[in-house]
């Protein structure tokens, strides 16, 4: 009996230890719910979200949602305590990803349409050049205005300068389903079929690989990553319809939401973005809406 108890304790300790190099499995043992629903964004009767696939936050009072139905981008602004649809901009092709580089929104498009910038309050569009043969997938913006772009054709993460030149490239093992910039200049990638998150140094070296736990018999499928500076990351598990919060050392801190249709529940969530005040906005694709969540285990961080 003592031997069995000791073995269980050892397994719990191993599962909670952070891994800095190589693969790690993140255990899901009595994880607390540390994210709470705050607001739902849909739009108006005439212009409402149908199939949201990506989100980006320019500020605590402005959120953009890329909708595959249209296709288009819907811009929401906070007015008082509510959020209202400010304007809608049509896109030339179905969006894959959306980010904000501090000055403008940038969308990655399907059908070989590359990248497009949406600038100013009118969301005026301008093409962003990409190297020949590059097929953009997930994207993320760095503080200096440069972009990280996953080239789906080449299986590489490209760092593109503001002049659209490729400054560096990093090959990734597996197809990348999400991309995020780390505060130290490195980056995170999600590999859906591996149910894993990889953390890379700015020079591309692999620093850690974390294996996400499934939801019962259903394997995790990371579809989006949002970085909390100095805190860790929040990961969308599309198959599990949940949010997983992980610290910088790879320890799982808690979860948020579950599968469903009511406010605060998710159905095939596709994207997440962190707002400057620490809240998260999530593209709730299956429910045709975006939802805002806040951390409950601490106050909002800048």
Protein backbone atom coordinates (compact mmCIF):
# COMPACT_ATOMS: atom_id res chain seq x y z
CA UNK A 1 0.00 0.00 0.00
CA UNK A 2 2.80 2.40 0.90
CA UNK A 3 4.61 1.59 -2.36
CA UNK A 4 1.47 2.41 -4.42
CA UNK A 5 0.92 5.71 -2.55
CA UNK A 6 4.56 6.69 -3.00
CA UNK A 7 4.36 5.95 -6.74
CA UNK A 8 1.31 8.23 -7.11
CA UNK A 9 3.07 11.04 -5.27
CA UNK A 10 6.12 10.71 -7.50
CA UNK A 11 3.96 10.91 -10.63
CA UNK A 12 2.27 14.08 -9.37
CA UNK A 13 5.63 15.72 -8.65
CA UNK A 14 7.05 14.77 -12.05
CA UNK A 15 3.97 16.15 -13.82
CA UNK A 16 4.27 19.50 -12.06
CA UNK A 17 7.97 20.04 -12.77
CA UNK A 18 8.70 22.59 -15.48
CA UNK A 19 10.83 21.58 -18.43
CA UNK A 20 13.28 24.02 -19.98
CA UNK A 21 14.58 21.78 -22.79
CA UNK A 22 13.03 18.88 -24.64
CA UNK A 23 9.46 17.59 -24.55
CA UNK A 24 7.25 17.87 -21.48
CA UNK A 25 3.74 16.63 -20.72
CA UNK A 26 1.55 19.11 -18.86
CA UNK A 27 -0.55 17.24 -16.32
CA UNK A 28 -4.16 18.23 -15.75
CA UNK A 29 -4.58 17.44 -12.05
CA UNK A 30 -7.35 19.34 -10.25
CA UNK A 31 -6.75 22.46 -12.30
CA UNK A 32 -8.72 25.48 -11.09
CA UNK A 33 -10.86 27.63 -13.34
CA UNK A 34 -9.04 30.98 -13.44
CA UNK A 35 -10.79 32.71 -16.34
CA UNK A 36 -14.25 34.22 -16.13
CA UNK A 37 -16.55 35.40 -18.89
CA UNK A 38 -17.12 39.15 -19.05
CA UNK A 39 -18.69 40.19 -22.36
CA UNK A 40 -19.97 38.84 -25.68
CA UNK A 41 -19.48 40.62 -29.02
CA UNK A 42 -21.76 39.79 -31.94
CA UNK A 43 -22.43 42.96 -33.94
CA UNK A 44 -25.77 44.30 -35.15
CA UNK A 45 -28.76 42.64 -36.77
CA UNK A 46 -27.50 43.84 -40.16
CA UNK A 47 -23.78 43.14 -39.61
CA UNK A 48 -23.05 40.34 -37.17
CA UNK A 49 -20.36 37.72 -36.76
CA UNK A 50 -20.99 34.46 -38.60
CA UNK A 51 -17.74 32.46 -38.68
CA UNK A 52 -15.01 34.33 -36.73
CA UNK A 53 -11.56 32.87 -37.32
CA UNK A 54 -9.15 35.44 -35.87
CA UNK A 55 -9.00 38.35 -33.40
CA UNK A 56 -6.63 41.19 -32.55
CA UNK A 57 -6.72 43.95 -29.94
CA UNK A 58 -5.32 47.40 -30.70
CA UNK A 59 -6.15 48.71 -27.22
CA UNK A 60 -8.47 48.15 -24.26
CA UNK A 61 -11.17 49.93 -26.28
CA UNK A 62 -10.71 48.50 -29.78
CA UNK A 63 -10.98 44.93 -31.02
CA UNK A 64 -10.96 43.59 -34.58
CA UNK A 65 -12.46 40.23 -35.54
CA UNK A 66 -11.76 38.52 -38.87
CA UNK A 67 -14.83 36.71 -40.19
CA UNK A 68 -14.60 34.00 -42.87
CA UNK A 69 -18.22 34.68 -43.80
CA UNK A 70 -18.02 37.63 -46.18
CA UNK A 71 -15.04 37.58 -45.90
CA UNK A 72 -14.45 40.69 -43.78
CA UNK A 73 -13.07 42.34 -40.67
CA UNK A 74 -15.44 43.76 -38.05
CA UNK A 75 -14.10 46.54 -35.82
CA UNK A 76 -15.60 46.87 -32.33
CA UNK A 77 -15.14 49.87 -30.01
CA UNK A 78 -15.94 50.19 -26.34
CA UNK A 79 -18.57 52.81 -25.51
CA UNK A 80 -19.14 53.20 -21.81
CA UNK A 81 -19.52 49.69 -20.48
CA UNK A 82 -20.68 48.15 -23.76
CA UNK A 83 -19.01 47.21 -27.02
CA UNK A 84 -20.46 48.41 -30.32
CA UNK A 85 -19.69 47.60 -33.93
CA UNK A 86 -17.86 50.58 -35.41
CA UNK A 87 -17.33 49.47 -39.01
CA UNK A 88 -16.88 46.54 -41.35
CA UNK A 89 -14.25 46.12 -44.07
CA UNK A 90 -14.49 43.49 -46.82
CA UNK A 91 -11.45 41.33 -47.52
CA UNK A 92 -10.34 39.99 -50.93
CA UNK A 93 -10.11 36.41 -49.59
CA UNK A 94 -10.90 34.31 -46.52
CA UNK A 95 -8.71 35.32 -43.56
CA UNK A 96 -6.39 32.86 -41.80
CA UNK A 97 -4.95 35.08 -39.08
CA UNK A 98 -5.04 38.64 -37.75
CA UNK A 99 -2.58 40.69 -35.69
CA UNK A 100 -1.92 44.31 -34.69
CA UNK A 101 1.62 45.66 -34.98
CA UNK A 102 1.07 48.82 -32.91
CA UNK A 103 0.05 50.90 -35.92
CA UNK A 104 -2.29 48.80 -38.02
CA UNK A 105 -4.00 45.44 -38.36
CA UNK A 106 -2.43 42.81 -40.61
CA UNK A 107 -4.37 39.85 -42.00
CA UNK A 108 -3.10 36.68 -43.63
CA UNK A 109 -5.38 35.47 -46.43
CA UNK A 110 -6.12 32.17 -48.12
CA UNK A 111 -6.23 31.47 -51.87
CA UNK A 112 -2.69 32.72 -52.37
CA UNK A 113 -3.70 36.28 -51.48
CA UNK A 114 -0.79 36.79 -49.04
CA UNK A 115 -0.84 39.60 -46.47
CA UNK A 116 -2.91 42.75 -46.31
CA UNK A 117 -2.66 45.70 -43.92
CA UNK A 118 -5.78 47.50 -42.66
CA UNK A 119 -4.80 51.03 -41.72
CA UNK A 120 -6.43 53.93 -39.91
CA UNK A 121 -9.98 54.27 -38.60
CA UNK A 122 -11.32 53.51 -42.09
CA UNK A 123 -9.40 50.21 -42.28
CA UNK A 124 -7.95 51.17 -45.64
CA UNK A 125 -6.24 48.18 -47.26
CA UNK A 126 -2.72 47.89 -48.58
CA UNK A 127 -0.93 44.80 -49.82
CA UNK A 128 2.19 43.67 -47.97
CA UNK A 129 4.77 42.04 -50.21
CA UNK A 130 5.90 38.51 -49.42
CA UNK A 131 8.79 36.61 -51.06
CA UNK A 132 7.92 34.49 -54.11
CA UNK A 133 6.66 31.04 -53.16
CA UNK A 134 5.76 31.99 -49.58
CA UNK A 135 2.24 30.99 -48.50
CA UNK A 136 1.39 32.84 -45.27
CA UNK A 137 -0.32 30.97 -42.44
CA UNK A 138 -0.37 32.11 -38.80
CA UNK A 139 1.23 35.51 -38.18
CA UNK A 140 2.31 37.61 -35.20
CA UNK A 141 3.61 41.17 -34.86
CA UNK A 142 6.78 42.18 -33.01
CA UNK A 143 7.00 45.48 -31.06
CA UNK A 144 9.28 47.01 -33.71
CA UNK A 145 6.61 46.55 -36.38
CA UNK A 146 8.26 43.54 -38.03
CA UNK A 147 6.24 40.38 -38.56
CA UNK A 148 6.61 36.70 -37.82
CA UNK A 149 5.00 34.75 -40.65
CA UNK A 150 4.63 31.00 -40.88
CA UNK A 151 5.27 29.90 -44.45
CA UNK A 152 2.90 26.97 -44.90
CA UNK A 153 4.61 25.95 -48.14
CA UNK A 154 8.13 25.88 -46.73
CA UNK A 155 7.32 24.83 -43.16
CA UNK A 156 9.31 27.76 -41.75
CA UNK A 157 8.75 30.75 -39.48
CA UNK A 158 10.00 33.88 -41.24
CA UNK A 159 10.93 37.15 -39.56
CA UNK A 160 9.99 39.86 -42.03
CA UNK A 161 11.26 43.40 -41.59
CA UNK A 162 9.08 46.48 -42.01
CA UNK A 163 10.47 46.63 -45.56
CA UNK A 164 9.10 43.08 -46.20
CA UNK A 165 12.58 41.55 -46.35
CA UNK A 166 13.20 38.15 -44.72
CA UNK A 167 15.69 38.71 -41.90
CA UNK A 168 15.74 35.10 -40.68
CA UNK A 169 13.91 31.80 -41.01
CA UNK A 170 13.42 28.82 -38.70
CA UNK A 171 12.27 25.38 -39.83
CA UNK A 172 9.54 23.83 -37.68
CA UNK A 173 8.87 20.11 -37.24
CA UNK A 174 5.14 19.81 -37.88
CA UNK A 175 2.48 22.11 -39.29
CA UNK A 176 2.13 25.32 -37.27
CA UNK A 177 -1.42 26.20 -36.20
CA UNK A 178 -0.58 29.29 -34.10
CA UNK A 179 2.25 31.75 -33.64
CA UNK A 180 3.02 34.32 -30.91
CA UNK A 181 5.87 36.67 -30.03
CA UNK A 182 7.67 36.14 -26.71
CA UNK A 183 8.67 39.17 -24.58
CA UNK A 184 12.38 38.26 -24.88
CA UNK A 185 12.28 38.47 -28.68
CA UNK A 186 11.73 34.77 -29.22
CA UNK A 187 8.49 33.15 -30.25
CA UNK A 188 6.00 30.40 -29.50
CA UNK A 189 4.48 28.03 -32.03
CA UNK A 190 1.62 25.56 -31.69
CA UNK A 191 1.69 22.31 -33.64
CA UNK A 192 -1.86 21.01 -33.80
CA UNK A 193 -1.31 17.35 -34.72
CA UNK A 194 1.33 17.05 -31.98
CA UNK A 195 -0.83 18.79 -29.35
CA UNK A 196 2.27 20.74 -28.41
CA UNK A 197 3.58 24.24 -27.77
CA UNK A 198 7.18 25.05 -28.68
CA UNK A 199 9.14 27.95 -27.28
CA UNK A 200 12.01 29.24 -29.42
CA UNK A 201 14.84 31.67 -28.76
CA UNK A 202 15.11 34.75 -30.97
CA UNK A 203 17.79 32.95 -33.00
CA UNK A 204 15.42 30.04 -33.54
CA UNK A 205 16.86 27.52 -31.06
CA UNK A 206 14.23 25.32 -29.43
CA UNK A 207 14.07 26.10 -25.70
CA UNK A 208 11.11 23.95 -24.63
CA UNK A 209 8.31 21.77 -25.91
CA UNK A 210 5.17 21.29 -23.82
CA UNK A 211 2.67 18.54 -24.49
CA UNK A 212 -0.92 19.61 -23.83
CA UNK A 213 -3.27 17.23 -22.01
CA UNK A 214 -6.37 16.08 -23.83
CA UNK A 215 -9.94 16.46 -22.63
CA UNK A 216 -10.77 12.87 -21.70
CA UNK A 217 -10.25 10.70 -24.79
CA UNK A 218 -10.10 13.74 -27.10
CA UNK A 219 -6.53 14.95 -27.83
CA UNK A 220 -5.81 18.65 -27.47
CA UNK A 221 -5.57 20.76 -30.61
CA UNK A 222 -3.88 24.13 -29.92
CA UNK A 223 -5.30 26.68 -32.35
CA UNK A 224 -4.10 29.97 -30.83
CA UNK A 225 -1.63 31.44 -28.32
CA UNK A 226 -1.70 34.72 -26.37
CA UNK A 227 1.36 35.81 -24.40
CA UNK A 228 1.20 37.45 -20.97
CA UNK A 229 4.43 39.43 -20.51
CA UNK A 230 6.34 38.00 -17.57
CA UNK A 231 3.55 35.55 -16.79
CA UNK A 232 3.27 32.85 -19.46
CA UNK A 233 0.79 32.01 -22.18
CA UNK A 234 -2.89 31.28 -22.67
CA UNK A 235 -3.59 28.57 -25.24
CA UNK A 236 -6.85 27.79 -27.03
CA UNK A 237 -7.58 24.07 -27.20
CA UNK A 238 -10.00 23.91 -30.13
CA UNK A 239 -11.00 20.26 -29.66
CA UNK A 240 -11.52 20.66 -25.92
CA UNK A 241 -13.34 24.01 -26.24
CA UNK A 242 -11.25 25.49 -23.44
CA UNK A 243 -8.48 27.89 -22.53
CA UNK A 244 -5.31 26.54 -20.90
CA UNK A 245 -3.09 28.91 -18.89
CA UNK A 246 0.59 27.95 -18.66
CA UNK A 247 3.42 29.77 -16.84
CA UNK A 248 6.88 30.56 -18.19
CA UNK A 249 8.32 27.32 -16.81
CA UNK A 250 5.73 25.13 -18.48
CA UNK A 251 3.52 24.54 -15.45
CA UNK A 252 -0.20 24.53 -16.09
CA UNK A 253 -1.89 27.09 -13.83
CA UNK A 254 -5.54 26.62 -14.69
CA UNK A 255 -8.25 26.54 -17.30
CA UNK A 256 -11.18 28.54 -18.50
CA UNK A 257 -14.54 27.73 -20.10
CA UNK A 258 -15.91 24.48 -21.52
CA UNK A 259 -18.00 23.30 -24.46
CA UNK A 260 -21.44 24.86 -24.90
CA UNK A 261 -23.65 27.61 -26.32
CA UNK A 262 -24.44 29.83 -23.33
CA UNK A 263 -22.44 33.02 -22.61
CA UNK A 264 -18.98 32.11 -21.36
CA UNK A 265 -18.96 28.72 -23.09
CA UNK A 266 -17.10 27.89 -26.30
CA UNK A 267 -17.67 25.83 -29.43
CA UNK A 268 -14.69 25.24 -31.72
CA UNK A 269 -12.78 28.37 -30.56
CA UNK A 270 -10.29 29.46 -33.20
CA UNK A 271 -8.25 32.42 -31.91
CA UNK A 272 -7.24 34.46 -28.87
CA UNK A 273 -5.71 37.90 -28.33
CA UNK A 274 -4.55 39.57 -25.13
CA UNK A 275 -5.79 43.08 -24.47
CA UNK A 276 -3.38 45.61 -22.87
CA UNK A 277 -5.21 45.41 -19.52
CA UNK A 278 -4.74 41.63 -19.30
CA UNK A 279 -8.14 40.49 -20.52
CA UNK A 280 -8.50 38.05 -23.41
CA UNK A 281 -10.77 38.18 -26.44
CA UNK A 282 -11.58 34.85 -28.09
CA UNK A 283 -13.04 34.02 -31.49
CA UNK A 284 -15.84 31.61 -30.57
CA UNK A 285 -16.18 30.24 -34.09
CA UNK A 286 -18.86 27.61 -33.61
CA UNK A 287 -21.12 30.07 -31.77
CA UNK A 288 -20.62 32.94 -34.24
CA UNK A 289 -19.33 35.46 -31.68
CA UNK A 290 -16.29 36.83 -29.87
CA UNK A 291 -16.07 36.70 -26.08
CA UNK A 292 -14.01 38.59 -23.51
CA UNK A 293 -12.58 36.81 -20.47
CA UNK A 294 -10.61 38.05 -17.45
CA UNK A 295 -8.25 36.35 -15.02
CA UNK A 296 -9.78 35.67 -11.59
CA UNK A 297 -6.66 34.47 -9.78
CA UNK A 298 -5.09 37.95 -9.80
CA UNK A 299 -5.72 41.49 -10.89
CA UNK A 300 -5.32 42.53 -14.52
CA UNK A 301 -1.73 43.18 -15.50
CA UNK A 302 -0.44 45.90 -17.81
